[in-house]
Amino acid sequence: MNVFGIGLPEMAVIAAIGLLVFGPKRLPELGKTLGRTLRGFQSASQEFEKEFRTAISAEGTAAEPAEAAAAAPLPPASVSSPEVTSPSATAPAEAPGGGEHA
């Protein structure tokens, strides 16, 4: 068993020193406090990682529409093209009484 690079014999020595320094009554309280502290650090690191991933994914999705708009061709409505019409539709109507105007 290897926790944080510390093996079982080292953990036994640390526990024995803690028992001598703090006594049998205070050692369980210190263990509970240490456990709560480690659990708090673990939940805080998970929350930080969650927010970091959310920020990265939001930044990626915000950049995608801008890149897509820059790479997309212009829509057909914005492209000006000459309309093709028949010559009779564009010619002026002739006045009655003759085709020539003075």
PDB file of N, CA and C in Angstrom:
ATOM      1  N   MET A   1       0.844  -1.178   0.000  1.00  0.00           N
ATOM      2  CA  MET A   1       0.000   0.000   0.000  1.00  0.00           C
ATOM      3  C   MET A   1       0.889   1.242   0.000  1.00  0.00           C
ATOM      4  N   ASN A   2       0.589   2.172  -0.881  1.00  0.00           N
ATOM      5  CA  ASN A   2       1.432   3.344  -1.034  1.00  0.00           C
ATOM      6  C   ASN A   2       0.539   4.574  -1.203  1.00  0.00           C
ATOM      7  N   VAL A   3       0.470   5.437  -0.190  1.00  0.00           N
ATOM      8  CA  VAL A   3      -0.358   6.636  -0.218  1.00  0.00           C
ATOM      9  C   VAL A   3       0.562   7.855  -0.152  1.00  0.00           C
ATOM     10  N   PHE A   4       0.525   8.690  -1.185  1.00  0.00           N
ATOM     11  CA  PHE A   4       1.355   9.895  -1.263  1.00  0.00           C
ATOM     12  C   PHE A   4       2.843   9.556  -1.151  1.00  0.00           C
ATOM     13  N   GLY A   5       3.241   8.408  -1.631  1.00  0.00           N
ATOM     14  CA  GLY A   5       4.637   8.014  -1.568  1.00  0.00           C
ATOM     15  C   GLY A   5       5.068   7.499  -0.201  1.00  0.00           C
ATOM     16  N   ILE A   6       4.099   7.280   0.689  1.00  0.00           N
ATOM     17  CA  ILE A   6       4.403   6.792   2.033  1.00  0.00           C
ATOM     18  C   ILE A   6       3.871   5.369   2.148  1.00  0.00           C
ATOM     19  N   GLY A   7       4.733   4.435   2.531  1.00  0.00           N
ATOM     20  CA  GLY A   7       4.336   3.040   2.675  1.00  0.00           C
ATOM     21  C   GLY A   7       3.708   2.770   4.035  1.00  0.00           C
ATOM     22  N   LEU A   8       3.322   1.513   4.266  1.00  0.00           N
ATOM     23  CA  LEU A   8       2.683   1.109   5.511  1.00  0.00           C
ATOM     24  C   LEU A   8       3.600   1.283   6.727  1.00  0.00           C
ATOM     25  N   PRO A   9       4.878   0.926   6.650  1.00  0.00           N
ATOM     26  CA  PRO A   9       5.738   1.135   7.829  1.00  0.00           C
ATOM     27  C   PRO A   9       5.883   2.612   8.216  1.00  0.00           C
ATOM     28  N   GLU A  10       5.986   3.472   7.213  1.00  0.00           N
ATOM     29  CA  GLU A  10       6.107   4.905   7.515  1.00  0.00           C
ATOM     30  C   GLU A  10       4.834   5.447   8.149  1.00  0.00           C
ATOM     31  N   MET A  11       3.675   4.998   7.647  1.00  0.00           N
ATOM     32  CA  MET A  11       2.403   5.453   8.219  1.00  0.00           C
ATOM     33  C   MET A  11       2.261   4.972   9.660  1.00  0.00           C
ATOM     34  N   ALA A  12       2.747   3.759   9.987  1.00  0.00           N
ATOM     35  CA  ALA A  12       2.693   3.249  11.357  1.00  0.00           C
ATOM     36  C   ALA A  12       3.566   4.089  12.280  1.00  0.00           C
ATOM     37  N   VAL A  13       4.728   4.488  11.801  1.00  0.00           N
ATOM     38  CA  VAL A  13       5.618   5.334  12.612  1.00  0.00           C
ATOM     39  C   VAL A  13       4.972   6.696  12.844  1.00  0.00           C
ATOM     40  N   ILE A  14       4.364   7.283  11.823  1.00  0.00           N
ATOM     41  CA  ILE A  14       3.705   8.585  11.964  1.00  0.00           C
ATOM     42  C   ILE A  14       2.542   8.485  12.939  1.00  0.00           C
ATOM     43  N   ALA A  15       1.766   7.399  12.875  1.00  0.00           N
ATOM     44  CA  ALA A  15       0.643   7.205  13.794  1.00  0.00           C
ATOM     45  C   ALA A  15       1.137   7.043  15.230  1.00  0.00           C
ATOM     46  N   ALA A  16       2.219   6.321  15.420  1.00  0.00           N
ATOM     47  CA  ALA A  16       2.766   6.134  16.772  1.00  0.00           C
ATOM     48  C   ALA A  16       3.256   7.459  17.341  1.00  0.00           C
ATOM     49  N   ILE A  17       3.917   8.271  16.529  1.00  0.00           N
ATOM     50  CA  ILE A  17       4.391   9.586  16.994  1.00  0.00           C
ATOM     51  C   ILE A  17       3.194  10.483  17.317  1.00  0.00           C
ATOM     52  N   GLY A  18       2.176  10.443  16.468  1.00  0.00           N
ATOM     53  CA  GLY A  18       0.966  11.225  16.727  1.00  0.00           C
ATOM     54  C   GLY A  18       0.282  10.791  18.010  1.00  0.00           C
ATOM     55  N   LEU A  19       0.253   9.496  18.279  1.00  0.00           N
ATOM     56  CA  LEU A  19      -0.351   8.983  19.503  1.00  0.00           C
ATOM     57  C   LEU A  19       0.418   9.466  20.727  1.00  0.00           C
ATOM     58  N   LEU A  20       1.736   9.473  20.642  1.00  0.00           N
ATOM     59  CA  LEU A  20       2.556   9.945  21.766  1.00  0.00           C
ATOM     60  C   LEU A  20       2.403  11.454  21.979  1.00  0.00           C
ATOM     61  N   VAL A  21       2.358  12.228  20.896  1.00  0.00           N
ATOM     62  CA  VAL A  21       2.306  13.687  21.009  1.00  0.00           C
ATOM     63  C   VAL A  21       0.922  14.161  21.451  1.00  0.00           C
ATOM     64  N   PHE A  22      -0.139  13.665  20.807  1.00  0.00           N
ATOM     65  CA  PHE A  22      -1.482  14.178  21.062  1.00  0.00           C
ATOM     66  C   PHE A  22      -2.277  13.364  22.075  1.00  0.00           C
ATOM     67  N   GLY A  23      -1.894  12.144  22.335  1.00  0.00           N
ATOM     68  CA  GLY A  23      -2.608  11.320  23.305  1.00  0.00           C
ATOM     69  C   GLY A  23      -3.770  10.586  22.653  1.00  0.00           C
ATOM     70  N   PRO A  24      -4.248   9.534  23.347  1.00  0.00           N
ATOM     71  CA  PRO A  24      -5.306   8.694  22.781  1.00  0.00           C
ATOM     72  C   PRO A  24      -6.666   9.392  22.679  1.00  0.00           C
ATOM     73  N   LYS A  25      -6.916  10.433  23.472  1.00  0.00           N
ATOM     74  CA  LYS A  25      -8.223  11.105  23.434  1.00  0.00           C
ATOM     75  C   LYS A  25      -8.317  12.099  22.277  1.00  0.00           C
ATOM     76  N   ARG A  26      -7.253  12.773  21.973  1.00  0.00           N
ATOM     77  CA  ARG A  26      -7.282  13.805  20.926  1.00  0.00           C
ATOM     78  C   ARG A  26      -7.005  13.259  19.540  1.00  0.00           C
ATOM     79  N   LEU A  27      -6.390  12.094  19.439  1.00  0.00           N
ATOM     80  CA  LEU A  27      -6.020  11.548  18.125  1.00  0.00           C
ATOM     81  C   LEU A  27      -7.233  11.270  17.234  1.00  0.00           C
ATOM     82  N   PRO A  28      -8.357  10.692  17.738  1.00  0.00           N
ATOM     83  CA  PRO A  28      -9.533  10.520  16.862  1.00  0.00           C
ATOM     84  C   PRO A  28     -10.122  11.848  16.377  1.00  0.00           C
ATOM     85  N   GLU A  29     -10.099  12.869  17.242  1.00  0.00           N
ATOM     86  CA  GLU A  29     -10.593  14.186  16.826  1.00  0.00           C
ATOM     87  C   GLU A  29      -9.734  14.759  15.708  1.00  0.00           C
ATOM     88  N   LEU A  30      -8.435  14.598  15.828  1.00  0.00           N
ATOM     89  CA  LEU A  30      -7.535  15.087  14.785  1.00  0.00           C
ATOM     90  C   LEU A  30      -7.737  14.313  13.478  1.00  0.00           C
ATOM     91  N   GLY A  31      -7.995  13.013  13.595  1.00  0.00           N
ATOM     92  CA  GLY A  31      -8.256  12.213  12.402  1.00  0.00           C
ATOM     93  C   GLY A  31      -9.521  12.670  11.684  1.00  0.00           C
ATOM     94  N   LYS A  32     -10.582  12.948  12.465  1.00  0.00           N
ATOM     95  CA  LYS A  32     -11.832  13.442  11.866  1.00  0.00           C
ATOM     96  C   LYS A  32     -11.613  14.792  11.185  1.00  0.00           C
ATOM     97  N   THR A  33     -10.895  15.663  11.872  1.00  0.00           N
ATOM     98  CA  THR A  33     -10.618  16.987  11.313  1.00  0.00           C
ATOM     99  C   THR A  33      -9.802  16.875  10.029  1.00  0.00           C
ATOM    100  N   LEU A  34      -8.803  16.011  10.048  1.00  0.00           N
ATOM    101  CA  LEU A  34      -7.985  15.817   8.851  1.00  0.00           C
ATOM    102  C   LEU A  34      -8.829  15.249   7.704  1.00  0.00           C
ATOM    103  N   GLY A  35      -9.707  14.307   7.998  1.00  0.00           N
ATOM    104  CA  GLY A  35     -10.588  13.738   6.973  1.00  0.00           C
ATOM    105  C   GLY A  35     -11.528  14.770   6.376  1.00  0.00           C
ATOM    106  N   ARG A  36     -12.105  15.604   7.227  1.00  0.00           N
ATOM    107  CA  ARG A  36     -13.009  16.667   6.734  1.00  0.00           C
ATOM    108  C   ARG A  36     -12.246  17.671   5.866  1.00  0.00           C
ATOM    109  N   THR A  37     -11.040  17.984   6.291  1.00  0.00           N
ATOM    110  CA  THR A  37     -10.221  18.924   5.524  1.00  0.00           C
ATOM    111  C   THR A  37      -9.889  18.357   4.145  1.00  0.00           C
ATOM    112  N   LEU A  38      -9.480  17.105   4.107  1.00  0.00           N
ATOM    113  CA  LEU A  38      -9.163  16.484   2.815  1.00  0.00           C
ATOM    114  C   LEU A  38     -10.397  16.379   1.932  1.00  0.00           C
ATOM    115  N   ARG A  39     -11.560  16.073   2.514  1.00  0.00           N
ATOM    116  CA  ARG A  39     -12.799  16.010   1.742  1.00  0.00           C
ATOM    117  C   ARG A  39     -13.153  17.385   1.188  1.00  0.00           C
ATOM    118  N   GLY A  40     -12.935  18.445   1.984  1.00  0.00           N
ATOM    119  CA  GLY A  40     -13.183  19.808   1.513  1.00  0.00           C
ATOM    120  C   GLY A  40     -12.281  20.178   0.351  1.00  0.00           C
ATOM    121  N   PHE A  41     -11.005  19.807   0.447  1.00  0.00           N
ATOM    122  CA  PHE A  41     -10.079  20.067  -0.662  1.00  0.00           C
ATOM    123  C   PHE A  41     -10.493  19.299  -1.907  1.00  0.00           C
ATOM    124  N   GLN A  42     -10.947  18.065  -1.726  1.00  0.00           N
ATOM    125  CA  GLN A  42     -11.344  17.249  -2.874  1.00  0.00           C
ATOM    126  C   GLN A  42     -12.571  17.851  -3.564  1.00  0.00           C
ATOM    127  N   SER A  43     -13.573  18.257  -2.775  1.00  0.00           N
ATOM    128  CA  SER A  43     -14.764  18.844  -3.395  1.00  0.00           C
ATOM    129  C   SER A  43     -14.442  20.191  -4.051  1.00  0.00           C
ATOM    130  N   ALA A  44     -13.560  20.971  -3.432  1.00  0.00           N
ATOM    131  CA  ALA A  44     -13.176  22.253  -4.025  1.00  0.00           C
ATOM    132  C   ALA A  44     -12.425  22.049  -5.342  1.00  0.00           C
ATOM    133  N   SER A  45     -11.555  21.043  -5.384  1.00  0.00           N
ATOM    134  CA  SER A  45     -10.822  20.793  -6.627  1.00  0.00           C
ATOM    135  C   SER A  45     -11.747  20.263  -7.713  1.00  0.00           C
ATOM    136  N   GLN A  46     -12.741  19.457  -7.350  1.00  0.00           N
ATOM    137  CA  GLN A  46     -13.706  18.979  -8.342  1.00  0.00           C
ATOM    138  C   GLN A  46     -14.552  20.133  -8.872  1.00  0.00           C
ATOM    139  N   GLU A  47     -14.964  21.037  -7.995  1.00  0.00           N
ATOM    140  CA  GLU A  47     -15.747  22.204  -8.420  1.00  0.00           C
ATOM    141  C   GLU A  47     -14.928  23.103  -9.342  1.00  0.00           C
ATOM    142  N   PHE A  48     -13.655  23.307  -8.994  1.00  0.00           N
ATOM    143  CA  PHE A  48     -12.773  24.111  -9.843  1.00  0.00           C
ATOM    144  C   PHE A  48     -12.615  23.471 -11.209  1.00  0.00           C
ATOM    145  N   GLU A  49     -12.427  22.150 -11.248  1.00  0.00           N
ATOM    146  CA  GLU A  49     -12.273  21.451 -12.515  1.00  0.00           C
ATOM    147  C   GLU A  49     -13.548  21.552 -13.348  1.00  0.00           C
ATOM    148  N   LYS A  50     -14.705  21.451 -12.699  1.00  0.00           N
ATOM    149  CA  LYS A  50     -15.989  21.557 -13.406  1.00  0.00           C
ATOM    150  C   LYS A  50     -16.147  22.945 -14.029  1.00  0.00           C
ATOM    151  N   GLU A  51     -15.855  23.998 -13.254  1.00  0.00           N
ATOM    152  CA  GLU A  51     -15.954  25.363 -13.773  1.00  0.00           C
ATOM    153  C   GLU A  51     -14.956  25.604 -14.898  1.00  0.00           C
ATOM    154  N   PHE A  52     -13.759  25.051 -14.757  1.00  0.00           N
ATOM    155  CA  PHE A  52     -12.734  25.201 -15.788  1.00  0.00           C
ATOM    156  C   PHE A  52     -13.189  24.552 -17.086  1.00  0.00           C
ATOM    157  N   ARG A  53     -13.722  23.334 -16.996  1.00  0.00           N
ATOM    158  CA  ARG A  53     -14.213  22.651 -18.202  1.00  0.00           C
ATOM    159  C   ARG A  53     -15.384  23.399 -18.828  1.00  0.00           C
ATOM    160  N   THR A  54     -16.274  23.951 -17.997  1.00  0.00           N
ATOM    161  CA  THR A  54     -17.411  24.718 -18.514  1.00  0.00           C
ATOM    162  C   THR A  54     -16.925  25.970 -19.237  1.00  0.00           C
ATOM    163  N   ALA A  55     -15.945  26.651 -18.666  1.00  0.00           N
ATOM    164  CA  ALA A  55     -15.415  27.859 -19.297  1.00  0.00           C
ATOM    165  C   ALA A  55     -14.724  27.539 -20.614  1.00  0.00           C
ATOM    166  N   ILE A  56     -13.988  26.450 -20.650  1.00  0.00           N
ATOM    167  CA  ILE A  56     -13.296  26.061 -21.879  1.00  0.00           C
ATOM    168  C   ILE A  56     -14.305  25.681 -22.951  1.00  0.00           C
ATOM    169  N   SER A  57     -15.343  24.923 -22.583  1.00  0.00           N
ATOM    170  CA  SER A  57     -16.333  24.524 -23.586  1.00  0.00           C
ATOM    171  C   SER A  57     -17.148  25.729 -24.054  1.00  0.00           C
ATOM    172  N   ALA A  58     -17.447  26.667 -23.151  1.00  0.00           N
ATOM    173  CA  ALA A  58     -18.183  27.870 -23.549  1.00  0.00           C
ATOM    174  C   ALA A  58     -17.337  28.732 -24.474  1.00  0.00           C
ATOM    175  N   GLU A  59     -16.052  28.816 -24.215  1.00  0.00           N
ATOM    176  CA  GLU A  59     -15.157  29.589 -25.071  1.00  0.00           C
ATOM    177  C   GLU A  59     -15.048  28.944 -26.443  1.00  0.00           C
ATOM    178  N   GLY A  60     -15.020  27.642 -26.486  1.00  0.00           N
ATOM    179  CA  GLY A  60     -14.937  26.926 -27.767  1.00  0.00           C
ATOM    180  C   GLY A  60     -16.200  27.084 -28.586  1.00  0.00           C
ATOM    181  N   THR A  61     -17.371  27.023 -27.949  1.00  0.00           N
ATOM    182  CA  THR A  61     -18.618  27.165 -28.694  1.00  0.00           C
ATOM    183  C   THR A  61     -18.843  28.610 -29.107  1.00  0.00           C
ATOM    184  N   ALA A  62     -18.341  29.567 -28.348  1.00  0.00           N
ATOM    185  CA  ALA A  62     -18.491  30.975 -28.729  1.00  0.00           C
ATOM    186  C   ALA A  62     -17.614  31.296 -29.929  1.00  0.00           C
ATOM    187  N   ALA A  63     -16.491  30.638 -30.064  1.00  0.00           N
ATOM    188  CA  ALA A  63     -15.591  30.899 -31.180  1.00  0.00           C
ATOM    189  C   ALA A  63     -16.063  30.217 -32.457  1.00  0.00           C
ATOM    190  N   GLU A  64     -16.776  29.124 -32.346  1.00  0.00           N
ATOM    191  CA  GLU A  64     -17.213  28.374 -33.532  1.00  0.00           C
ATOM    192  C   GLU A  64     -18.142  29.178 -34.433  1.00  0.00           C
ATOM    193  N   PRO A  65     -19.199  29.853 -33.949  1.00  0.00           N
ATOM    194  CA  PRO A  65     -20.054  30.615 -34.867  1.00  0.00           C
ATOM    195  C   PRO A  65     -19.303  31.740 -35.577  1.00  0.00           C
ATOM    196  N   ALA A  66     -18.383  32.389 -34.908  1.00  0.00           N
ATOM    197  CA  ALA A  66     -17.633  33.463 -35.552  1.00  0.00           C
ATOM    198  C   ALA A  66     -16.756  32.911 -36.664  1.00  0.00           C
ATOM    199  N   GLU A  67     -16.135  31.767 -36.414  1.00  0.00           N
ATOM    200  CA  GLU A  67     -15.308  31.147 -37.446  1.00  0.00           C
ATOM    201  C   GLU A  67     -16.177  30.657 -38.600  1.00  0.00           C
ATOM    202  N   ALA A  68     -17.338  30.106 -38.282  1.00  0.00           N
ATOM    203  CA  ALA A  68     -18.231  29.601 -39.319  1.00  0.00           C
ATOM    204  C   ALA A  68     -18.761  30.755 -40.173  1.00  0.00           C
ATOM    205  N   ALA A  69     -19.061  31.890 -39.553  1.00  0.00           N
ATOM    206  CA  ALA A  69     -19.566  33.034 -40.301  1.00  0.00           C
ATOM    207  C   ALA A  69     -18.488  33.600 -41.215  1.00  0.00           C
ATOM    208  N   ALA A  70     -17.266  33.588 -40.775  1.00  0.00           N
ATOM    209  CA  ALA A  70     -16.182  34.112 -41.600  1.00  0.00           C
ATOM    210  C   ALA A  70     -15.890  33.193 -42.778  1.00  0.00           C
ATOM    211  N   ALA A  71     -16.070  31.898 -42.588  1.00  0.00           N
ATOM    212  CA  ALA A  71     -15.762  30.946 -43.640  1.00  0.00           C
ATOM    213  C   ALA A  71     -16.948  30.690 -44.566  1.00  0.00           C
ATOM    214  N   ALA A  72     -18.151  31.053 -44.160  1.00  0.00           N
ATOM    215  CA  ALA A  72     -19.351  30.771 -44.954  1.00  0.00           C
ATOM    216  C   ALA A  72     -19.427  31.718 -46.149  1.00  0.00           C
ATOM    217  N   PRO A  73     -19.873  31.221 -47.297  1.00  0.00           N
ATOM    218  CA  PRO A  73     -20.048  32.102 -48.458  1.00  0.00           C
ATOM    219  C   PRO A  73     -21.243  33.022 -48.245  1.00  0.00           C
ATOM    220  N   LEU A  74     -21.267  34.113 -48.997  1.00  0.00           N
ATOM    221  CA  LEU A  74     -22.373  35.055 -48.880  1.00  0.00           C
ATOM    222  C   LEU A  74     -23.654  34.413 -49.382  1.00  0.00           C
ATOM    223  N   PRO A  75     -24.777  34.748 -48.773  1.00  0.00           N
ATOM    224  CA  PRO A  75     -26.043  34.187 -49.238  1.00  0.00           C
ATOM    225  C   PRO A  75     -26.405  34.747 -50.611  1.00  0.00           C
ATOM    226  N   PRO A  76     -27.222  34.032 -51.391  1.00  0.00           N
ATOM    227  CA  PRO A  76     -27.562  34.478 -52.746  1.00  0.00           C
ATOM    228  C   PRO A  76     -28.249  35.833 -52.790  1.00  0.00           C
ATOM    229  N   ALA A  77     -28.994  36.219 -51.771  1.00  0.00           N
ATOM    230  CA  ALA A  77     -29.718  37.485 -51.781  1.00  0.00           C
ATOM    231  C   ALA A  77     -28.749  38.673 -51.764  1.00  0.00           C
ATOM    232  N   SER A  78     -27.583  38.519 -51.190  1.00  0.00           N
ATOM    233  CA  SER A  78     -26.671  39.642 -51.101  1.00  0.00           C
ATOM    234  C   SER A  78     -25.797  39.780 -52.350  1.00  0.00           C
ATOM    235  N   VAL A  79     -25.770  38.782 -53.190  1.00  0.00           N
ATOM    236  CA  VAL A  79     -24.974  38.846 -54.409  1.00  0.00           C
ATOM    237  C   VAL A  79     -25.814  39.545 -55.469  1.00  0.00           C
ATOM    238  N   SER A  80     -25.280  40.619 -56.045  1.00  0.00           N
ATOM    239  CA  SER A  80     -26.045  41.334 -57.073  1.00  0.00           C
ATOM    240  C   SER A  80     -25.733  40.723 -58.432  1.00  0.00           C
ATOM    241  N   SER A  81     -26.767  40.279 -59.104  1.00  0.00           N
ATOM    242  CA  SER A  81     -26.609  39.734 -60.450  1.00  0.00           C
ATOM    243  C   SER A  81     -27.628  40.421 -61.348  1.00  0.00           C
ATOM    244  N   PRO A  82     -27.256  40.675 -62.600  1.00  0.00           N
ATOM    245  CA  PRO A  82     -28.216  41.331 -63.503  1.00  0.00           C
ATOM    246  C   PRO A  82     -29.390  40.392 -63.786  1.00  0.00           C
ATOM    247  N   GLU A  83     -30.547  40.989 -63.814  1.00  0.00           N
ATOM    248  CA  GLU A  83     -31.731  40.199 -64.107  1.00  0.00           C
ATOM    249  C   GLU A  83     -31.851  40.018 -65.613  1.00  0.00           C
ATOM    250  N   VAL A  84     -32.249  38.857 -66.000  1.00  0.00           N
ATOM    251  CA  VAL A  84     -32.434  38.570 -67.416  1.00  0.00           C
ATOM    252  C   VAL A  84     -33.918  38.726 -67.712  1.00  0.00           C
ATOM    253  N   THR A  85     -34.226  39.656 -68.631  1.00  0.00           N
ATOM    254  CA  THR A  85     -35.629  39.887 -69.019  1.00  0.00           C
ATOM    255  C   THR A  85     -35.716  39.914 -70.533  1.00  0.00           C
ATOM    256  N   SER A  86     -36.874  39.758 -71.001  1.00  0.00           N
ATOM    257  CA  SER A  86     -37.068  39.772 -72.463  1.00  0.00           C
ATOM    258  C   SER A  86     -37.031  41.212 -72.960  1.00  0.00           C
ATOM    259  N   PRO A  87     -36.624  41.434 -74.215  1.00  0.00           N
ATOM    260  CA  PRO A  87     -36.542  42.805 -74.747  1.00  0.00           C
ATOM    261  C   PRO A  87     -37.897  43.504 -74.782  1.00  0.00           C
ATOM    262  N   SER A  88     -38.978  42.770 -74.928  1.00  0.00           N
ATOM    263  CA  SER A  88     -40.284  43.420 -74.998  1.00  0.00           C
ATOM    264  C   SER A  88     -40.688  43.970 -73.643  1.00  0.00           C
ATOM    265  N   ALA A  89     -40.199  43.389 -72.598  1.00  0.00           N
ATOM    266  CA  ALA A  89     -40.571  43.869 -71.273  1.00  0.00           C
ATOM    267  C   ALA A  89     -39.807  45.140 -70.913  1.00  0.00           C
ATOM    268  N   THR A  90     -38.629  45.329 -71.489  1.00  0.00           N
ATOM    269  CA  THR A  90     -37.845  46.514 -71.155  1.00  0.00           C
ATOM    270  C   THR A  90     -38.070  47.671 -72.131  1.00  0.00           C
ATOM    271  N   ALA A  91     -38.663  47.427 -73.313  1.00  0.00           N
ATOM    272  CA  ALA A  91     -38.874  48.487 -74.297  1.00  0.00           C
ATOM    273  C   ALA A  91     -40.033  49.345 -73.847  1.00  0.00           C
ATOM    274  N   PRO A  92     -39.927  50.698 -74.118  1.00  0.00           N
ATOM    275  CA  PRO A  92     -41.050  51.576 -73.724  1.00  0.00           C
ATOM    276  C   PRO A  92     -42.257  51.319 -74.620  1.00  0.00           C
ATOM    277  N   ALA A  93     -43.388  51.500 -74.059  1.00  0.00           N
ATOM    278  CA  ALA A  93     -44.638  51.303 -74.815  1.00  0.00           C
ATOM    279  C   ALA A  93     -44.767  52.391 -75.884  1.00  0.00           C
ATOM    280  N   GLU A  94     -45.235  51.982 -77.049  1.00  0.00           N
ATOM    281  CA  GLU A  94     -45.355  52.931 -78.143  1.00  0.00           C
ATOM    282  C   GLU A  94     -46.593  53.793 -77.941  1.00  0.00           C
ATOM    283  N   ALA A  95     -46.470  55.057 -78.274  1.00  0.00           N
ATOM    284  CA  ALA A  95     -47.598  55.965 -78.148  1.00  0.00           C
ATOM    285  C   ALA A  95     -48.561  55.741 -79.307  1.00  0.00           C
ATOM    286  N   PRO A  96     -49.848  55.925 -79.102  1.00  0.00           N
ATOM    287  CA  PRO A  96     -50.800  55.743 -80.202  1.00  0.00           C
ATOM    288  C   PRO A  96     -50.621  56.847 -81.260  1.00  0.00           C
ATOM    289  N   GLY A  97     -50.785  56.474 -82.482  1.00  0.00           N
ATOM    290  CA  GLY A  97     -50.698  57.432 -83.576  1.00  0.00           C
ATOM    291  C   GLY A  97     -49.315  57.510 -84.189  1.00  0.00           C
ATOM    292  N   GLY A  98     -48.468  56.557 -83.926  1.00  0.00           N
ATOM    293  CA  GLY A  98     -47.163  56.583 -84.581  1.00  0.00           C
ATOM    294  C   GLY A  98     -46.079  56.115 -83.633  1.00  0.00           C
ATOM    295  N   GLY A  99     -45.034  55.648 -84.216  1.00  0.00           N
ATOM    296  CA  GLY A  99     -43.964  55.114 -83.402  1.00  0.00           C
ATOM    297  C   GLY A  99     -42.884  56.119 -83.129  1.00  0.00           C
ATOM    298  N   GLU A 100     -42.862  57.235 -83.839  1.00  0.00           N
ATOM    299  CA  GLU A 100     -41.785  58.193 -83.701  1.00  0.00           C
ATOM    300  C   GLU A 100     -42.230  59.347 -82.830  1.00  0.00           C
ATOM    301  N   HIS A 101     -41.347  59.828 -82.043  1.00  0.00           N
ATOM    302  CA  HIS A 101     -41.625  60.974 -81.196  1.00  0.00           C
ATOM    303  C   HIS A 101     -40.849  62.167 -81.762  1.00  0.00           C
ATOM    304  N   ALA A 102     -41.443  63.328 -81.706  1.00  0.00           N
ATOM    305  CA  ALA A 102     -40.791  64.507 -82.251  1.00  0.00           C
ATOM    306  C   ALA A 102     -39.967  65.234 -81.268  1.00  0.00           C
TER     307      ALA A 102
END
